[in-house]
Amino acid sequence: MNELLDVVRVEPNENFFLKLEFENGEVRVFDMNPLLMKKPFNSLQEKKIFECATVNHGTVVWPDDIDIAPETLYDFSRPLKPSEE
């Protein structure tokens, strides 16, 4: 990625995936599963907490000051396939 892109919308989905829309209009999917066993993300294993994901200042945040940098979300996500929309 050449530029830092803010997240403008997040939708928590089944199986701990995040559907993300970036400021350039791209829609991508980020798999949270590899992070759920690590602090501070381990509390997100509880679906009620995971589903509280919102966008704040261009990145995804949860209660208890949990967040992920937008560049991480972009670099480790994959473009959404038309069949997944």
PDB file of N, CA and C in Angstrom:
ATOM      1  N   MET A   1       0.837  -1.176   0.000  1.00  0.00           N
ATOM      2  CA  MET A   1       0.000   0.000   0.000  1.00  0.00           C
ATOM      3  C   MET A   1       0.878   1.234   0.000  1.00  0.00           C
ATOM      4  N   ASN A   2       0.551   2.209  -0.825  1.00  0.00           N
ATOM      5  CA  ASN A   2       1.359   3.414  -0.936  1.00  0.00           C
ATOM      6  C   ASN A   2       0.899   4.531  -0.021  1.00  0.00           C
ATOM      7  N   GLU A   3      -0.367   4.595   0.292  1.00  0.00           N
ATOM      8  CA  GLU A   3      -0.890   5.664   1.119  1.00  0.00           C
ATOM      9  C   GLU A   3      -1.676   5.087   2.286  1.00  0.00           C
ATOM     10  N   LEU A   4      -1.787   5.871   3.338  1.00  0.00           N
ATOM     11  CA  LEU A   4      -2.566   5.448   4.493  1.00  0.00           C
ATOM     12  C   LEU A   4      -4.034   5.735   4.227  1.00  0.00           C
ATOM     13  N   LEU A   5      -4.856   4.701   4.243  1.00  0.00           N
ATOM     14  CA  LEU A   5      -6.284   4.837   3.973  1.00  0.00           C
ATOM     15  C   LEU A   5      -7.071   4.620   5.257  1.00  0.00           C
ATOM     16  N   ASP A   6      -7.977   5.525   5.539  1.00  0.00           N
ATOM     17  CA  ASP A   6      -8.846   5.378   6.705  1.00  0.00           C
ATOM     18  C   ASP A   6      -9.978   4.409   6.417  1.00  0.00           C
ATOM     19  N   VAL A   7     -10.400   3.731   7.456  1.00  0.00           N
ATOM     20  CA  VAL A   7     -11.616   2.920   7.402  1.00  0.00           C
ATOM     21  C   VAL A   7     -12.783   3.884   7.591  1.00  0.00           C
ATOM     22  N   VAL A   8     -13.818   3.754   6.756  1.00  0.00           N
ATOM     23  CA  VAL A   8     -14.996   4.618   6.899  1.00  0.00           C
ATOM     24  C   VAL A   8     -16.227   3.853   7.372  1.00  0.00           C
ATOM     25  N   ARG A   9     -16.184   2.512   7.260  1.00  0.00           N
ATOM     26  CA  ARG A   9     -17.325   1.694   7.706  1.00  0.00           C
ATOM     27  C   ARG A   9     -16.827   0.307   8.058  1.00  0.00           C
ATOM     28  N   VAL A  10     -17.393  -0.258   9.117  1.00  0.00           N
ATOM     29  CA  VAL A  10     -17.066  -1.625   9.521  1.00  0.00           C
ATOM     30  C   VAL A  10     -18.350  -2.375   9.799  1.00  0.00           C
ATOM     31  N   GLU A  11     -18.340  -3.650   9.426  1.00  0.00           N
ATOM     32  CA  GLU A  11     -19.470  -4.534   9.700  1.00  0.00           C
ATOM     33  C   GLU A  11     -18.911  -5.848  10.222  1.00  0.00           C
ATOM     34  N   PRO A  12     -19.086  -6.129  11.529  1.00  0.00           N
ATOM     35  CA  PRO A  12     -18.650  -7.423  12.059  1.00  0.00           C
ATOM     36  C   PRO A  12     -19.535  -8.533  11.499  1.00  0.00           C
ATOM     37  N   ASN A  13     -18.924  -9.588  11.016  1.00  0.00           N
ATOM     38  CA  ASN A  13     -19.656 -10.700  10.416  1.00  0.00           C
ATOM     39  C   ASN A  13     -19.404 -11.989  11.174  1.00  0.00           C
ATOM     40  N   GLU A  14     -20.097 -13.040  10.740  1.00  0.00           N
ATOM     41  CA  GLU A  14     -19.944 -14.366  11.340  1.00  0.00           C
ATOM     42  C   GLU A  14     -18.481 -14.814  11.297  1.00  0.00           C
ATOM     43  N   ASN A  15     -18.132 -15.694  12.177  1.00  0.00           N
ATOM     44  CA  ASN A  15     -16.807 -16.315  12.223  1.00  0.00           C
ATOM     45  C   ASN A  15     -15.682 -15.310  12.421  1.00  0.00           C
ATOM     46  N   PHE A  16     -15.995 -14.170  13.034  1.00  0.00           N
ATOM     47  CA  PHE A  16     -14.999 -13.166  13.400  1.00  0.00           C
ATOM     48  C   PHE A  16     -14.286 -12.542  12.202  1.00  0.00           C
ATOM     49  N   PHE A  17     -15.056 -12.249  11.175  1.00  0.00           N
ATOM     50  CA  PHE A  17     -14.561 -11.503  10.029  1.00  0.00           C
ATOM     51  C   PHE A  17     -15.106 -10.082  10.099  1.00  0.00           C
ATOM     52  N   LEU A  18     -14.310  -9.127   9.619  1.00  0.00           N
ATOM     53  CA  LEU A  18     -14.750  -7.745   9.522  1.00  0.00           C
ATOM     54  C   LEU A  18     -14.875  -7.370   8.053  1.00  0.00           C
ATOM     55  N   LYS A  19     -16.015  -6.837   7.682  1.00  0.00           N
ATOM     56  CA  LYS A  19     -16.193  -6.268   6.350  1.00  0.00           C
ATOM     57  C   LYS A  19     -15.880  -4.780   6.499  1.00  0.00           C
ATOM     58  N   LEU A  20     -14.885  -4.318   5.745  1.00  0.00           N
ATOM     59  CA  LEU A  20     -14.373  -2.964   5.893  1.00  0.00           C
ATOM     60  C   LEU A  20     -14.546  -2.174   4.607  1.00  0.00           C
ATOM     61  N   GLU A  21     -14.942  -0.936   4.742  1.00  0.00           N
ATOM     62  CA  GLU A  21     -14.925  -0.030   3.599  1.00  0.00           C
ATOM     63  C   GLU A  21     -13.896   1.051   3.902  1.00  0.00           C
ATOM     64  N   PHE A  22     -12.982   1.256   2.938  1.00  0.00           N
ATOM     65  CA  PHE A  22     -11.935   2.255   3.092  1.00  0.00           C
ATOM     66  C   PHE A  22     -12.315   3.531   2.352  1.00  0.00           C
ATOM     67  N   GLU A  23     -11.634   4.618   2.676  1.00  0.00           N
ATOM     68  CA  GLU A  23     -11.988   5.918   2.109  1.00  0.00           C
ATOM     69  C   GLU A  23     -11.850   5.990   0.592  1.00  0.00           C
ATOM     70  N   ASN A  24     -11.112   5.074  -0.018  1.00  0.00           N
ATOM     71  CA  ASN A  24     -10.984   5.044  -1.478  1.00  0.00           C
ATOM     72  C   ASN A  24     -12.124   4.257  -2.133  1.00  0.00           C
ATOM     73  N   GLY A  25     -13.082   3.772  -1.317  1.00  0.00           N
ATOM     74  CA  GLY A  25     -14.222   3.033  -1.831  1.00  0.00           C
ATOM     75  C   GLY A  25     -14.037   1.530  -1.864  1.00  0.00           C
ATOM     76  N   GLU A  26     -12.821   1.057  -1.596  1.00  0.00           N
ATOM     77  CA  GLU A  26     -12.574  -0.389  -1.588  1.00  0.00           C
ATOM     78  C   GLU A  26     -13.292  -1.048  -0.422  1.00  0.00           C
ATOM     79  N   VAL A  27     -13.857  -2.212  -0.680  1.00  0.00           N
ATOM     80  CA  VAL A  27     -14.472  -3.026   0.371  1.00  0.00           C
ATOM     81  C   VAL A  27     -13.625  -4.280   0.496  1.00  0.00           C
ATOM     82  N   ARG A  28     -13.179  -4.555   1.728  1.00  0.00           N
ATOM     83  CA  ARG A  28     -12.260  -5.661   1.970  1.00  0.00           C
ATOM     84  C   ARG A  28     -12.736  -6.463   3.177  1.00  0.00           C
ATOM     85  N   VAL A  29     -12.202  -7.667   3.333  1.00  0.00           N
ATOM     86  CA  VAL A  29     -12.546  -8.550   4.451  1.00  0.00           C
ATOM     87  C   VAL A  29     -11.282  -8.853   5.243  1.00  0.00           C
ATOM     88  N   PHE A  30     -11.379  -8.676   6.556  1.00  0.00           N
ATOM     89  CA  PHE A  30     -10.257  -8.933   7.465  1.00  0.00           C
ATOM     90  C   PHE A  30     -10.653 -10.062   8.413  1.00  0.00           C
ATOM     91  N   ASP A  31      -9.817 -11.075   8.511  1.00  0.00           N
ATOM     92  CA  ASP A  31     -10.046 -12.229   9.384  1.00  0.00           C
ATOM     93  C   ASP A  31      -9.415 -11.966  10.746  1.00  0.00           C
ATOM     94  N   MET A  32     -10.234 -11.829  11.776  1.00  0.00           N
ATOM     95  CA  MET A  32      -9.738 -11.580  13.130  1.00  0.00           C
ATOM     96  C   MET A  32      -9.250 -12.846  13.836  1.00  0.00           C
ATOM     97  N   ASN A  33      -9.587 -14.025  13.316  1.00  0.00           N
ATOM     98  CA  ASN A  33      -9.286 -15.279  14.014  1.00  0.00           C
ATOM     99  C   ASN A  33      -7.828 -15.425  14.449  1.00  0.00           C
ATOM    100  N   PRO A  34      -6.836 -15.094  13.626  1.00  0.00           N
ATOM    101  CA  PRO A  34      -5.449 -15.255  14.077  1.00  0.00           C
ATOM    102  C   PRO A  34      -5.085 -14.377  15.279  1.00  0.00           C
ATOM    103  N   LEU A  35      -5.841 -13.311  15.517  1.00  0.00           N
ATOM    104  CA  LEU A  35      -5.524 -12.398  16.621  1.00  0.00           C
ATOM    105  C   LEU A  35      -6.259 -12.716  17.915  1.00  0.00           C
ATOM    106  N   LEU A  36      -7.290 -13.534  17.852  1.00  0.00           N
ATOM    107  CA  LEU A  36      -8.164 -13.731  19.007  1.00  0.00           C
ATOM    108  C   LEU A  36      -7.504 -14.438  20.188  1.00  0.00           C
ATOM    109  N   MET A  37      -6.395 -15.073  19.983  1.00  0.00           N
ATOM    110  CA  MET A  37      -5.699 -15.747  21.084  1.00  0.00           C
ATOM    111  C   MET A  37      -4.635 -14.851  21.718  1.00  0.00           C
ATOM    112  N   LYS A  38      -4.486 -13.641  21.185  1.00  0.00           N
ATOM    113  CA  LYS A  38      -3.453 -12.724  21.660  1.00  0.00           C
ATOM    114  C   LYS A  38      -4.088 -11.546  22.392  1.00  0.00           C
ATOM    115  N   LYS A  39      -3.384 -11.043  23.395  1.00  0.00           N
ATOM    116  CA  LYS A  39      -3.837  -9.837  24.082  1.00  0.00           C
ATOM    117  C   LYS A  39      -3.581  -8.652  23.166  1.00  0.00           C
ATOM    118  N   PRO A  40      -4.399  -7.664  23.151  1.00  0.00           N
ATOM    119  CA  PRO A  40      -5.627  -7.457  23.910  1.00  0.00           C
ATOM    120  C   PRO A  40      -6.868  -8.011  23.210  1.00  0.00           C
ATOM    121  N   PHE A  41      -6.671  -8.674  22.070  1.00  0.00           N
ATOM    122  CA  PHE A  41      -7.802  -9.103  21.241  1.00  0.00           C
ATOM    123  C   PHE A  41      -8.550 -10.312  21.788  1.00  0.00           C
ATOM    124  N   ASN A  42      -7.994 -11.010  22.784  1.00  0.00           N
ATOM    125  CA  ASN A  42      -8.638 -12.221  23.289  1.00  0.00           C
ATOM    126  C   ASN A  42     -10.034 -11.957  23.871  1.00  0.00           C
ATOM    127  N   SER A  43     -10.287 -10.755  24.352  1.00  0.00           N
ATOM    128  CA  SER A  43     -11.634 -10.455  24.873  1.00  0.00           C
ATOM    129  C   SER A  43     -12.675 -10.392  23.749  1.00  0.00           C
ATOM    130  N   LEU A  44     -12.216 -10.260  22.507  1.00  0.00           N
ATOM    131  CA  LEU A  44     -13.143 -10.202  21.372  1.00  0.00           C
ATOM    132  C   LEU A  44     -13.698 -11.572  20.997  1.00  0.00           C
ATOM    133  N   GLN A  45     -13.199 -12.621  21.644  1.00  0.00           N
ATOM    134  CA  GLN A  45     -13.760 -13.959  21.413  1.00  0.00           C
ATOM    135  C   GLN A  45     -15.219 -14.014  21.839  1.00  0.00           C
ATOM    136  N   GLU A  46     -15.595 -13.125  22.747  1.00  0.00           N
ATOM    137  CA  GLU A  46     -16.992 -13.028  23.155  1.00  0.00           C
ATOM    138  C   GLU A  46     -17.729 -12.241  22.067  1.00  0.00           C
ATOM    139  N   LYS A  47     -18.653 -12.905  21.392  1.00  0.00           N
ATOM    140  CA  LYS A  47     -19.322 -12.311  20.221  1.00  0.00           C
ATOM    141  C   LYS A  47     -19.972 -10.961  20.518  1.00  0.00           C
ATOM    142  N   LYS A  48     -20.539 -10.811  21.701  1.00  0.00           N
ATOM    143  CA  LYS A  48     -21.188  -9.540  22.038  1.00  0.00           C
ATOM    144  C   LYS A  48     -20.186  -8.388  22.021  1.00  0.00           C
ATOM    145  N   ILE A  49     -18.979  -8.645  22.434  1.00  0.00           N
ATOM    146  CA  ILE A  49     -17.944  -7.609  22.411  1.00  0.00           C
ATOM    147  C   ILE A  49     -17.444  -7.400  20.987  1.00  0.00           C
ATOM    148  N   PHE A  50     -17.183  -8.493  20.271  1.00  0.00           N
ATOM    149  CA  PHE A  50     -16.718  -8.394  18.888  1.00  0.00           C
ATOM    150  C   PHE A  50     -17.686  -7.573  18.044  1.00  0.00           C
ATOM    151  N   GLU A  51     -18.962  -7.782  18.247  1.00  0.00           N
ATOM    152  CA  GLU A  51     -19.987  -7.106  17.459  1.00  0.00           C
ATOM    153  C   GLU A  51     -20.120  -5.621  17.788  1.00  0.00           C
ATOM    154  N   CYS A  52     -19.399  -5.141  18.783  1.00  0.00           N
ATOM    155  CA  CYS A  52     -19.411  -3.717  19.147  1.00  0.00           C
ATOM    156  C   CYS A  52     -18.429  -2.893  18.318  1.00  0.00           C
ATOM    157  N   ALA A  53     -17.821  -3.489  17.322  1.00  0.00           N
ATOM    158  CA  ALA A  53     -16.833  -2.784  16.495  1.00  0.00           C
ATOM    159  C   ALA A  53     -17.458  -1.546  15.855  1.00  0.00           C
ATOM    160  N   THR A  54     -16.730  -0.440  15.947  1.00  0.00           N
ATOM    161  CA  THR A  54     -17.133   0.808  15.309  1.00  0.00           C
ATOM    162  C   THR A  54     -15.896   1.448  14.689  1.00  0.00           C
ATOM    163  N   VAL A  55     -16.124   2.500  13.914  1.00  0.00           N
ATOM    164  CA  VAL A  55     -15.012   3.251  13.340  1.00  0.00           C
ATOM    165  C   VAL A  55     -14.833   4.537  14.130  1.00  0.00           C
ATOM    166  N   ASN A  56     -13.592   4.816  14.496  1.00  0.00           N
ATOM    167  CA  ASN A  56     -13.259   6.048  15.199  1.00  0.00           C
ATOM    168  C   ASN A  56     -11.919   6.537  14.674  1.00  0.00           C
ATOM    169  N   HIS A  57     -11.902   7.735  14.162  1.00  0.00           N
ATOM    170  CA  HIS A  57     -10.669   8.338  13.624  1.00  0.00           C
ATOM    171  C   HIS A  57      -9.982   7.446  12.594  1.00  0.00           C
ATOM    172  N   GLY A  58     -10.779   6.797  11.745  1.00  0.00           N
ATOM    173  CA  GLY A  58     -10.232   6.055  10.620  1.00  0.00           C
ATOM    174  C   GLY A  58      -9.800   4.638  10.885  1.00  0.00           C
ATOM    175  N   THR A  59     -10.046   4.139  12.085  1.00  0.00           N
ATOM    176  CA  THR A  59      -9.709   2.748  12.361  1.00  0.00           C
ATOM    177  C   THR A  59     -10.841   2.072  13.116  1.00  0.00           C
ATOM    178  N   VAL A  60     -10.735   0.761  13.269  1.00  0.00           N
ATOM    179  CA  VAL A  60     -11.768  -0.017  13.957  1.00  0.00           C
ATOM    180  C   VAL A  60     -11.416  -0.079  15.437  1.00  0.00           C
ATOM    181  N   VAL A  61     -12.420   0.189  16.274  1.00  0.00           N
ATOM    182  CA  VAL A  61     -12.226   0.184  17.724  1.00  0.00           C
ATOM    183  C   VAL A  61     -13.317  -0.641  18.398  1.00  0.00           C
ATOM    184  N   TRP A  62     -12.978  -1.115  19.592  1.00  0.00           N
ATOM    185  CA  TRP A  62     -13.907  -1.847  20.457  1.00  0.00           C
ATOM    186  C   TRP A  62     -13.811  -1.256  21.857  1.00  0.00           C
ATOM    187  N   PRO A  63     -14.730  -1.651  22.740  1.00  0.00           N
ATOM    188  CA  PRO A  63     -14.615  -1.219  24.142  1.00  0.00           C
ATOM    189  C   PRO A  63     -13.264  -1.643  24.740  1.00  0.00           C
ATOM    190  N   ASP A  64     -12.905  -1.011  25.831  1.00  0.00           N
ATOM    191  CA  ASP A  64     -11.659  -1.288  26.554  1.00  0.00           C
ATOM    192  C   ASP A  64     -10.427  -0.865  25.755  1.00  0.00           C
ATOM    193  N   ASP A  65     -10.575   0.159  24.908  1.00  0.00           N
ATOM    194  CA  ASP A  65      -9.448   0.734  24.161  1.00  0.00           C
ATOM    195  C   ASP A  65      -8.746  -0.263  23.248  1.00  0.00           C
ATOM    196  N   ILE A  66      -9.488  -1.176  22.659  1.00  0.00           N
ATOM    197  CA  ILE A  66      -8.927  -2.125  21.696  1.00  0.00           C
ATOM    198  C   ILE A  66      -9.106  -1.535  20.307  1.00  0.00           C
ATOM    199  N   ASP A  67      -8.028  -1.518  19.533  1.00  0.00           N
ATOM    200  CA  ASP A  67      -8.117  -1.032  18.162  1.00  0.00           C
ATOM    201  C   ASP A  67      -7.060  -1.711  17.302  1.00  0.00           C
ATOM    202  N   ILE A  68      -7.200  -1.524  15.996  1.00  0.00           N
ATOM    203  CA  ILE A  68      -6.231  -2.049  15.034  1.00  0.00           C
ATOM    204  C   ILE A  68      -5.919  -0.930  14.056  1.00  0.00           C
ATOM    205  N   ALA A  69      -4.649  -0.719  13.780  1.00  0.00           N
ATOM    206  CA  ALA A  69      -4.229   0.337  12.863  1.00  0.00           C
ATOM    207  C   ALA A  69      -4.821   0.110  11.474  1.00  0.00           C
ATOM    208  N   PRO A  70      -5.247   1.176  10.813  1.00  0.00           N
ATOM    209  CA  PRO A  70      -5.853   1.025   9.494  1.00  0.00           C
ATOM    210  C   PRO A  70      -4.922   0.392   8.470  1.00  0.00           C
ATOM    211  N   GLU A  71      -3.628   0.642   8.572  1.00  0.00           N
ATOM    212  CA  GLU A  71      -2.695   0.026   7.622  1.00  0.00           C
ATOM    213  C   GLU A  71      -2.617  -1.486   7.813  1.00  0.00           C
ATOM    214  N   THR A  72      -2.749  -1.954   9.050  1.00  0.00           N
ATOM    215  CA  THR A  72      -2.792  -3.395   9.308  1.00  0.00           C
ATOM    216  C   THR A  72      -4.058  -3.989   8.719  1.00  0.00           C
ATOM    217  N   LEU A  73      -5.173  -3.317   8.941  1.00  0.00           N
ATOM    218  CA  LEU A  73      -6.451  -3.797   8.402  1.00  0.00           C
ATOM    219  C   LEU A  73      -6.398  -3.890   6.882  1.00  0.00           C
ATOM    220  N   TYR A  74      -5.789  -2.913   6.244  1.00  0.00           N
ATOM    221  CA  TYR A  74      -5.717  -2.920   4.781  1.00  0.00           C
ATOM    222  C   TYR A  74      -4.736  -3.982   4.284  1.00  0.00           C
ATOM    223  N   ASP A  75      -3.539  -3.973   4.843  1.00  0.00           N
ATOM    224  CA  ASP A  75      -2.482  -4.863   4.354  1.00  0.00           C
ATOM    225  C   ASP A  75      -2.796  -6.339   4.553  1.00  0.00           C
ATOM    226  N   PHE A  76      -3.556  -6.684   5.593  1.00  0.00           N
ATOM    227  CA  PHE A  76      -3.831  -8.083   5.892  1.00  0.00           C
ATOM    228  C   PHE A  76      -5.276  -8.486   5.597  1.00  0.00           C
ATOM    229  N   SER A  77      -5.951  -7.678   4.814  1.00  0.00           N
ATOM    230  CA  SER A  77      -7.310  -8.024   4.387  1.00  0.00           C
ATOM    231  C   SER A  77      -7.270  -8.386   2.911  1.00  0.00           C
ATOM    232  N   ARG A  78      -8.392  -8.914   2.459  1.00  0.00           N
ATOM    233  CA  ARG A  78      -8.479  -9.273   1.034  1.00  0.00           C
ATOM    234  C   ARG A  78      -9.675  -8.555   0.432  1.00  0.00           C
ATOM    235  N   PRO A  79      -9.593  -8.247  -0.863  1.00  0.00           N
ATOM    236  CA  PRO A  79     -10.733  -7.594  -1.517  1.00  0.00           C
ATOM    237  C   PRO A  79     -11.973  -8.483  -1.439  1.00  0.00           C
ATOM    238  N   LEU A  80     -13.104  -7.860  -1.260  1.00  0.00           N
ATOM    239  CA  LEU A  80     -14.370  -8.585  -1.201  1.00  0.00           C
ATOM    240  C   LEU A  80     -14.751  -9.047  -2.591  1.00  0.00           C
ATOM    241  N   LYS A  81     -15.126 -10.308  -2.708  1.00  0.00           N
ATOM    242  CA  LYS A  81     -15.594 -10.856  -3.981  1.00  0.00           C
ATOM    243  C   LYS A  81     -17.034 -10.405  -4.189  1.00  0.00           C
ATOM    244  N   PRO A  82     -17.437 -10.162  -5.445  1.00  0.00           N
ATOM    245  CA  PRO A  82     -18.822  -9.746  -5.707  1.00  0.00           C
ATOM    246  C   PRO A  82     -19.861 -10.703  -5.106  1.00  0.00           C
ATOM    247  N   SER A  83     -19.564 -11.984  -5.056  1.00  0.00           N
ATOM    248  CA  SER A  83     -20.517 -12.950  -4.497  1.00  0.00           C
ATOM    249  C   SER A  83     -20.661 -12.812  -2.976  1.00  0.00           C
ATOM    250  N   GLU A  84     -19.744 -12.094  -2.330  1.00  0.00           N
ATOM    251  CA  GLU A  84     -19.776 -11.929  -0.874  1.00  0.00           C
ATOM    252  C   GLU A  84     -20.523 -10.660  -0.440  1.00  0.00           C
ATOM    253  N   GLU A  85     -20.872  -9.831  -1.397  1.00  0.00           N
ATOM    254  CA  GLU A  85     -21.537  -8.576  -1.043  1.00  0.00           C
ATOM    255  C   GLU A  85     -22.941  -8.880  -0.680  1.00  0.00           C
TER     256      GLU A  85
END
